[in-house]
Amino acid sequence: MLESLVRDRLRDPRSAEFGSMNVSRNHFEIRVCGGVNSKNSFGAYVGLRPFFMSVRLEPLEVEQFLYAANTDDIQRLIDYCLKEGIDISMETFP
């Protein structure tokens, strides 16, 4: 389910290749930080990039989705995940 919600937000959903994902869950929401590689508008893979997503469970709805579309955003998104209490520092991002 989580991969499908991420795919829906990418330029080329079928090209998505996922790295590891770390999930935090309570009775009301799921929060996930992970890595995804997908194709850009030129049809080239961009490399593994971090993302953060918050999903409300009732009703099922993505509340927030953040994606490091360029290399300048990678460290900021890793830091955001750490601030949210979800460690993705084990991933190797370009």
C-alpha atoms as a PDB file:
ATOM      1  CA  MET A   1       0.000   0.000   0.000  1.00  0.00           C
ATOM      2  CA  LEU A   2       2.731   2.523   0.931  1.00  0.00           C
ATOM      3  CA  GLU A   3       4.679   1.947  -2.283  1.00  0.00           C
ATOM      4  CA  SER A   4       1.527   2.533  -4.311  1.00  0.00           C
ATOM      5  CA  LEU A   5       0.900   5.851  -2.546  1.00  0.00           C
ATOM      6  CA  VAL A   6       4.478   6.964  -3.293  1.00  0.00           C
ATOM      7  CA  ARG A   7       4.257   5.840  -6.930  1.00  0.00           C
ATOM      8  CA  ASP A   8       1.127   7.960  -7.408  1.00  0.00           C
ATOM      9  CA  ARG A   9       3.216  11.060  -6.674  1.00  0.00           C
ATOM     10  CA  LEU A  10       6.114  10.408  -9.067  1.00  0.00           C
ATOM     11  CA  ARG A  11       6.529  11.584 -12.656  1.00  0.00           C
ATOM     12  CA  ASP A  12       6.901   7.982 -13.923  1.00  0.00           C
ATOM     13  CA  PRO A  13       5.161   5.749 -11.343  1.00  0.00           C
ATOM     14  CA  ARG A  14       5.922   2.451 -13.102  1.00  0.00           C
ATOM     15  CA  SER A  15       9.662   3.112 -13.014  1.00  0.00           C
ATOM     16  CA  ALA A  16       9.836   3.335  -9.198  1.00  0.00           C
ATOM     17  CA  GLU A  17      12.461   1.172  -7.507  1.00  0.00           C
ATOM     18  CA  PHE A  18      12.394   1.314  -3.720  1.00  0.00           C
ATOM     19  CA  GLY A  19      15.216   1.192  -1.215  1.00  0.00           C
ATOM     20  CA  SER A  20      14.514   0.515   2.426  1.00  0.00           C
ATOM     21  CA  MET A  21      11.650   2.224   4.227  1.00  0.00           C
ATOM     22  CA  ASN A  22      11.364   2.911   7.935  1.00  0.00           C
ATOM     23  CA  VAL A  23       7.843   3.269   9.301  1.00  0.00           C
ATOM     24  CA  SER A  24       6.378   4.844  12.407  1.00  0.00           C
ATOM     25  CA  ARG A  25       2.730   4.068  13.153  1.00  0.00           C
ATOM     26  CA  ASN A  26       0.092   4.939  15.706  1.00  0.00           C
ATOM     27  CA  HIS A  27      -3.710   4.554  15.765  1.00  0.00           C
ATOM     28  CA  PHE A  28      -4.252   7.570  13.519  1.00  0.00           C
ATOM     29  CA  GLU A  29      -1.400   7.727  11.019  1.00  0.00           C
ATOM     30  CA  ILE A  30       1.556   6.075   9.359  1.00  0.00           C
ATOM     31  CA  ARG A  31       4.741   8.045   8.791  1.00  0.00           C
ATOM     32  CA  VAL A  32       7.395   6.635   6.499  1.00  0.00           C
ATOM     33  CA  CYS A  33      10.840   7.705   5.367  1.00  0.00           C
ATOM     34  CA  GLY A  34      12.638   5.824   2.662  1.00  0.00           C
ATOM     35  CA  GLY A  35      14.391   5.917  -0.661  1.00  0.00           C
ATOM     36  CA  VAL A  36      13.035   5.675  -4.192  1.00  0.00           C
ATOM     37  CA  ASN A  37      14.685   5.757  -7.611  1.00  0.00           C
ATOM     38  CA  SER A  38      12.525   6.663 -10.596  1.00  0.00           C
ATOM     39  CA  LYS A  39      12.754   8.158 -14.050  1.00  0.00           C
ATOM     40  CA  ASN A  40      12.683  11.876 -14.717  1.00  0.00           C
ATOM     41  CA  SER A  41      11.013  13.658 -17.637  1.00  0.00           C
ATOM     42  CA  PHE A  42      13.942  12.684 -19.904  1.00  0.00           C
ATOM     43  CA  GLY A  43      13.422   8.974 -19.151  1.00  0.00           C
ATOM     44  CA  ALA A  44      16.623   8.618 -17.125  1.00  0.00           C
ATOM     45  CA  TYR A  45      16.802   7.242 -13.593  1.00  0.00           C
ATOM     46  CA  VAL A  46      17.715   9.971 -11.105  1.00  0.00           C
ATOM     47  CA  GLY A  47      19.287   7.736  -8.461  1.00  0.00           C
ATOM     48  CA  LEU A  48      18.000   6.833  -5.030  1.00  0.00           C
ATOM     49  CA  ARG A  49      16.340   9.861  -3.414  1.00  0.00           C
ATOM     50  CA  PRO A  50      14.825  10.151   0.065  1.00  0.00           C
ATOM     51  CA  PHE A  51      11.143  10.789   0.699  1.00  0.00           C
ATOM     52  CA  PHE A  52       8.852  11.386   3.680  1.00  0.00           C
ATOM     53  CA  MET A  53       5.150  10.592   3.700  1.00  0.00           C
ATOM     54  CA  SER A  54       2.459  10.936   6.342  1.00  0.00           C
ATOM     55  CA  VAL A  55      -0.744   8.933   5.772  1.00  0.00           C
ATOM     56  CA  ARG A  56      -3.929   9.344   7.778  1.00  0.00           C
ATOM     57  CA  LEU A  57      -5.620   5.985   8.358  1.00  0.00           C
ATOM     58  CA  GLU A  58      -9.298   7.005   8.707  1.00  0.00           C
ATOM     59  CA  PRO A  59     -10.114   7.902   6.003  1.00  0.00           C
ATOM     60  CA  LEU A  60      -7.011   6.737   4.134  1.00  0.00           C
ATOM     61  CA  GLU A  61      -5.387   9.925   2.849  1.00  0.00           C
ATOM     62  CA  VAL A  62      -1.861  11.193   2.238  1.00  0.00           C
ATOM     63  CA  GLU A  63      -1.468  14.247   4.449  1.00  0.00           C
ATOM     64  CA  GLN A  64       2.099  15.134   3.463  1.00  0.00           C
ATOM     65  CA  PHE A  65       4.588  13.971   0.853  1.00  0.00           C
ATOM     66  CA  LEU A  66       8.119  15.346   0.583  1.00  0.00           C
ATOM     67  CA  TYR A  67      10.611  14.172  -2.039  1.00  0.00           C
ATOM     68  CA  ALA A  68      14.197  15.248  -2.697  1.00  0.00           C
ATOM     69  CA  ALA A  69      13.757  16.067  -6.388  1.00  0.00           C
ATOM     70  CA  ASN A  70      17.289  17.450  -6.638  1.00  0.00           C
ATOM     71  CA  THR A  71      20.557  16.706  -4.899  1.00  0.00           C
ATOM     72  CA  ASP A  72      20.435  19.952  -2.895  1.00  0.00           C
ATOM     73  CA  ASP A  73      17.374  18.662  -1.018  1.00  0.00           C
ATOM     74  CA  ILE A  74      18.764  15.253  -0.027  1.00  0.00           C
ATOM     75  CA  GLN A  75      20.392  16.232   3.282  1.00  0.00           C
ATOM     76  CA  ARG A  76      17.480  18.493   4.232  1.00  0.00           C
ATOM     77  CA  LEU A  77      15.043  15.608   3.780  1.00  0.00           C
ATOM     78  CA  ILE A  78      17.251  13.178   5.713  1.00  0.00           C
ATOM     79  CA  ASP A  79      17.407  15.750   8.536  1.00  0.00           C
ATOM     80  CA  TYR A  80      13.605  16.190   8.397  1.00  0.00           C
ATOM     81  CA  CYS A  81      13.100  12.430   8.795  1.00  0.00           C
ATOM     82  CA  LEU A  82      15.490  12.380  11.758  1.00  0.00           C
ATOM     83  CA  LYS A  83      13.585  15.294  13.316  1.00  0.00           C
ATOM     84  CA  GLU A  84      10.387  13.247  12.915  1.00  0.00           C
ATOM     85  CA  GLY A  85      12.092  10.372  14.745  1.00  0.00           C
ATOM     86  CA  ILE A  86      12.563   8.160  11.683  1.00  0.00           C
ATOM     87  CA  ASP A  87      16.157   7.217  10.874  1.00  0.00           C
ATOM     88  CA  ILE A  88      17.058   6.790   7.194  1.00  0.00           C
ATOM     89  CA  SER A  89      20.729   7.632   7.578  1.00  0.00           C
ATOM     90  CA  MET A  90      21.698   4.049   6.613  1.00  0.00           C
ATOM     91  CA  GLU A  91      20.631   4.738   3.026  1.00  0.00           C
ATOM     92  CA  THR A  92      23.259   5.841   0.562  1.00  0.00           C
ATOM     93  CA  PHE A  93      22.048   8.812  -1.405  1.00  0.00           C
ATOM     94  CA  PRO A  94      24.093  10.400  -4.193  1.00  0.00           C
END
